[in-house]
C-alpha atoms as a PDB file:
ATOM      1  CA  MET A   1     117.357  76.248  86.304  1.00  0.00           C
ATOM      2  CA  ASN A   2     117.560  74.596  89.673  1.00  0.00           C
ATOM      3  CA  PRO A   3     114.095  74.841  91.307  1.00  0.00           C
ATOM      4  CA  ALA A   4     115.724  75.086  94.738  1.00  0.00           C
ATOM      5  CA  ALA A   5     117.311  78.417  93.774  1.00  0.00           C
ATOM      6  CA  THR A   6     113.981  79.922  92.778  1.00  0.00           C
ATOM      7  CA  LYS A   7     112.495  78.977  96.144  1.00  0.00           C
ATOM      8  CA  ARG A   8     115.393  80.390  98.145  1.00  0.00           C
ATOM      9  CA  LEU A   9     115.593  83.873  96.639  1.00  0.00           C
ATOM     10  CA  ALA A  10     112.639  86.100  97.394  1.00  0.00           C
ATOM     11  CA  PRO A  11     111.129  87.908  94.435  1.00  0.00           C
ATOM     12  CA  CYS A  12     111.810  91.617  94.116  1.00  0.00           C
ATOM     13  CA  PRO A  13     109.025  93.991  95.105  1.00  0.00           C
ATOM     14  CA  SER A  14     107.662  96.415  92.510  1.00  0.00           C
ATOM     15  CA  SER A  15     109.890  99.208  93.854  1.00  0.00           C
ATOM     16  CA  PRO A  16     113.155  99.945  92.010  1.00  0.00           C
ATOM     17  CA  ASN A  17     115.419  99.184  95.003  1.00  0.00           C
ATOM     18  CA  CYS A  18     116.001  95.492  94.259  1.00  0.00           C
ATOM     19  CA  VAL A  19     117.713  93.397  91.597  1.00  0.00           C
ATOM     20  CA  SER A  20     117.750  89.639  91.101  1.00  0.00           C
ATOM     21  CA  SER A  21     119.140  87.188  88.584  1.00  0.00           C
ATOM     22  CA  LEU A  22     115.779  85.404  88.804  1.00  0.00           C
ATOM     23  CA  ALA A  23     113.613  88.489  88.189  1.00  0.00           C
ATOM     24  CA  PRO A  24     111.203  88.074  85.280  1.00  0.00           C
ATOM     25  CA  ASP A  25     111.384  91.747  84.234  1.00  0.00           C
ATOM     26  CA  ASP A  26     114.260  93.796  82.803  1.00  0.00           C
ATOM     27  CA  ALA A  27     113.915  96.536  85.427  1.00  0.00           C
ATOM     28  CA  HIS A  28     114.942  94.139  88.205  1.00  0.00           C
ATOM     29  CA  ARG A  29     116.994  91.499  86.344  1.00  0.00           C
ATOM     30  CA  VAL A  30     120.776  91.199  86.598  1.00  0.00           C
ATOM     31  CA  ASP A  31     122.999  88.457  85.233  1.00  0.00           C
ATOM     32  CA  PRO A  32     123.916  85.614  87.569  1.00  0.00           C
ATOM     33  CA  ILE A  33     127.556  85.031  88.470  1.00  0.00           C
ATOM     34  CA  ARG A  34     129.020  82.322  86.250  1.00  0.00           C
ATOM     35  CA  PHE A  35     131.595  79.830  87.518  1.00  0.00           C
ATOM     36  CA  THR A  36     133.359  76.669  86.470  1.00  0.00           C
ATOM     37  CA  GLY A  37     134.567  73.878  88.682  1.00  0.00           C
ATOM     38  CA  ASP A  38     133.591  73.059  92.229  1.00  0.00           C
ATOM     39  CA  PRO A  39     130.419  74.838  93.459  1.00  0.00           C
ATOM     40  CA  ALA A  40     131.716  74.976  97.047  1.00  0.00           C
ATOM     41  CA  ALA A  41     134.916  76.650  95.845  1.00  0.00           C
ATOM     42  CA  ALA A  42     132.842  79.138  93.838  1.00  0.00           C
ATOM     43  CA  LEU A  43     130.810  80.057  96.916  1.00  0.00           C
ATOM     44  CA  ALA A  44     133.985  80.427  98.984  1.00  0.00           C
ATOM     45  CA  LYS A  45     135.406  82.696  96.276  1.00  0.00           C
ATOM     46  CA  LEU A  46     132.219  84.787  96.303  1.00  0.00           C
ATOM     47  CA  ARG A  47     132.441  85.076 100.088  1.00  0.00           C
ATOM     48  CA  ALA A  48     136.034  86.309  99.835  1.00  0.00           C
ATOM     49  CA  VAL A  49     135.056  88.861  97.177  1.00  0.00           C
ATOM     50  CA  ILE A  50     132.217  90.224  99.304  1.00  0.00           C
ATOM     51  CA  GLU A  51     134.275  90.295 102.507  1.00  0.00           C
ATOM     52  CA  ALA A  52     136.933  92.354 100.709  1.00  0.00           C
ATOM     53  CA  MET A  53     134.388  95.063  99.877  1.00  0.00           C
ATOM     54  CA  PRO A  54     133.914  98.123 102.104  1.00  0.00           C
ATOM     55  CA  ARG A  55     131.254  97.971 104.817  1.00  0.00           C
ATOM     56  CA  ALA A  56     130.275  94.389 103.948  1.00  0.00           C
ATOM     57  CA  ALA A  57     129.681  91.492 106.293  1.00  0.00           C
ATOM     58  CA  VAL A  58     128.719  87.936 105.464  1.00  0.00           C
ATOM     59  CA  THR A  59     126.206  87.049 108.156  1.00  0.00           C
ATOM     60  CA  ARG A  60     125.289  83.529 107.043  1.00  0.00           C
ATOM     61  CA  SER A  61     126.874  80.935 104.813  1.00  0.00           C
ATOM     62  CA  ASP A  62     126.016  77.284 104.374  1.00  0.00           C
ATOM     63  CA  GLY A  63     126.717  74.618 101.792  1.00  0.00           C
ATOM     64  CA  ASP A  64     125.169  76.339  98.797  1.00  0.00           C
ATOM     65  CA  SER A  65     124.106  79.851  99.811  1.00  0.00           C
ATOM     66  CA  LEU A  66     125.142  82.961 101.669  1.00  0.00           C
ATOM     67  CA  HIS A  67     123.661  86.170 103.013  1.00  0.00           C
ATOM     68  CA  ALA A  68     125.599  89.414 103.313  1.00  0.00           C
ATOM     69  CA  GLU A  69     124.822  92.915 104.522  1.00  0.00           C
ATOM     70  CA  PHE A  70     126.226  96.146 103.126  1.00  0.00           C
ATOM     71  CA  THR A  71     125.951  99.286 105.253  1.00  0.00           C
ATOM     72  CA  SER A  72     126.048 102.704 103.576  1.00  0.00           C
ATOM     73  CA  TRP A  73     128.727 105.052 104.814  1.00  0.00           C
ATOM     74  CA  LEU A  74     126.758 108.192 105.529  1.00  0.00           C
ATOM     75  CA  LEU A  75     123.228 107.258 106.569  1.00  0.00           C
ATOM     76  CA  ARG A  76     123.980 103.679 107.667  1.00  0.00           C
ATOM     77  CA  PHE A  77     121.279 102.118 105.454  1.00  0.00           C
ATOM     78  CA  VAL A  78     121.564  98.342 105.150  1.00  0.00           C
ATOM     79  CA  ASP A  79     121.204  96.447 101.880  1.00  0.00           C
ATOM     80  CA  ASP A  80     120.916  92.666 101.838  1.00  0.00           C
ATOM     81  CA  ILE A  81     122.496  90.313  99.321  1.00  0.00           C
ATOM     82  CA  ASP A  82     121.480  86.693  99.017  1.00  0.00           C
ATOM     83  CA  ALA A  83     123.278  84.218  96.776  1.00  0.00           C
ATOM     84  CA  VAL A  84     122.409  80.620  95.910  1.00  0.00           C
ATOM     85  CA  VAL A  85     124.605  78.258  93.903  1.00  0.00           C
ATOM     86  CA  ASP A  86     122.961  76.457  90.986  1.00  0.00           C
ATOM     87  CA  PRO A  87     125.584  73.769  90.243  1.00  0.00           C
ATOM     88  CA  ASP A  88     123.679  72.333  87.276  1.00  0.00           C
ATOM     89  CA  ALA A  89     123.694  75.678  85.465  1.00  0.00           C
ATOM     90  CA  GLY A  90     127.180  76.717  86.663  1.00  0.00           C
ATOM     91  CA  VAL A  91     125.877  79.970  88.115  1.00  0.00           C
ATOM     92  CA  ILE A  92     125.353  81.688  91.410  1.00  0.00           C
ATOM     93  CA  HIS A  93     121.978  83.411  91.495  1.00  0.00           C
ATOM     94  CA  VAL A  94     121.967  86.711  93.363  1.00  0.00           C
ATOM     95  CA  ARG A  95     119.446  89.100  94.843  1.00  0.00           C
ATOM     96  CA  SER A  96     120.358  92.492  96.270  1.00  0.00           C
ATOM     97  CA  ALA A  97     117.794  94.759  97.898  1.00  0.00           C
ATOM     98  CA  SER A  98     117.523  97.810 100.104  1.00  0.00           C
ATOM     99  CA  ARG A  99     115.761  97.315 103.409  1.00  0.00           C
ATOM    100  CA  VAL A 100     114.184 100.777 103.429  1.00  0.00           C
ATOM    101  CA  GLY A 101     113.134 103.404 100.938  1.00  0.00           C
ATOM    102  CA  TYR A 102     111.701 103.243  97.465  1.00  0.00           C
ATOM    103  CA  SER A 103     114.566 103.999  95.087  1.00  0.00           C
ATOM    104  CA  ASP A 104     118.198 103.090  95.612  1.00  0.00           C
ATOM    105  CA  LEU A 105     119.466 105.205  92.671  1.00  0.00           C
ATOM    106  CA  GLY A 106     120.894 102.045  91.107  1.00  0.00           C
ATOM    107  CA  VAL A 107     123.139 101.155  94.037  1.00  0.00           C
ATOM    108  CA  ASN A 108     122.113  97.483  94.229  1.00  0.00           C
ATOM    109  CA  ARG A 109     122.597  96.952  90.471  1.00  0.00           C
ATOM    110  CA  LYS A 110     126.022  98.617  90.594  1.00  0.00           C
ATOM    111  CA  ARG A 111     126.999  96.514  93.606  1.00  0.00           C
ATOM    112  CA  VAL A 112     126.038  93.231  91.929  1.00  0.00           C
ATOM    113  CA  ASP A 113     127.895  94.298  88.776  1.00  0.00           C
ATOM    114  CA  ALA A 114     130.984  95.097  90.892  1.00  0.00           C
ATOM    115  CA  ILE A 115     130.752  91.744  92.697  1.00  0.00           C
ATOM    116  CA  ARG A 116     130.425  89.889  89.375  1.00  0.00           C
ATOM    117  CA  ALA A 117     133.462  91.733  87.948  1.00  0.00           C
ATOM    118  CA  ALA A 118     135.565  91.108  91.068  1.00  0.00           C
ATOM    119  CA  PHE A 119     134.536  87.436  91.049  1.00  0.00           C
ATOM    120  CA  ALA A 120     135.579  87.086  87.409  1.00  0.00           C
ATOM    121  CA  SER A 121     138.992  88.587  88.058  1.00  0.00           C
ATOM    122  CA  ALA A 122     139.675  86.867  91.399  1.00  0.00           C
ATOM    123  CA  ARG A 123     141.767  83.723  91.532  1.00  0.00           C
END
């Protein structure tokens, strides 16, 4: 694992409103997004996938990472997603967390799963 990725994604708190591909425990762990080929192209593809999702906005993107915000429809809660490319492992590590509240009722896990599935099927 690329040590830079572990430094750039914050650990999840103990609350169940966060998931991360770098989490040490099953309650918070999700699979990273796997890719082949050019890491920059993989990050661009991830950006396109996220930007195509409802109420999503990529607010920062640089050479090997991005940050996006998802706003809930009804109560306008904001969830943050951070992604960091690990070119050596051929994965994009992800972290998705709610800004407020204790439980997210699995929303962040479902969102990361949907992003991973859309990434896999996108060209």
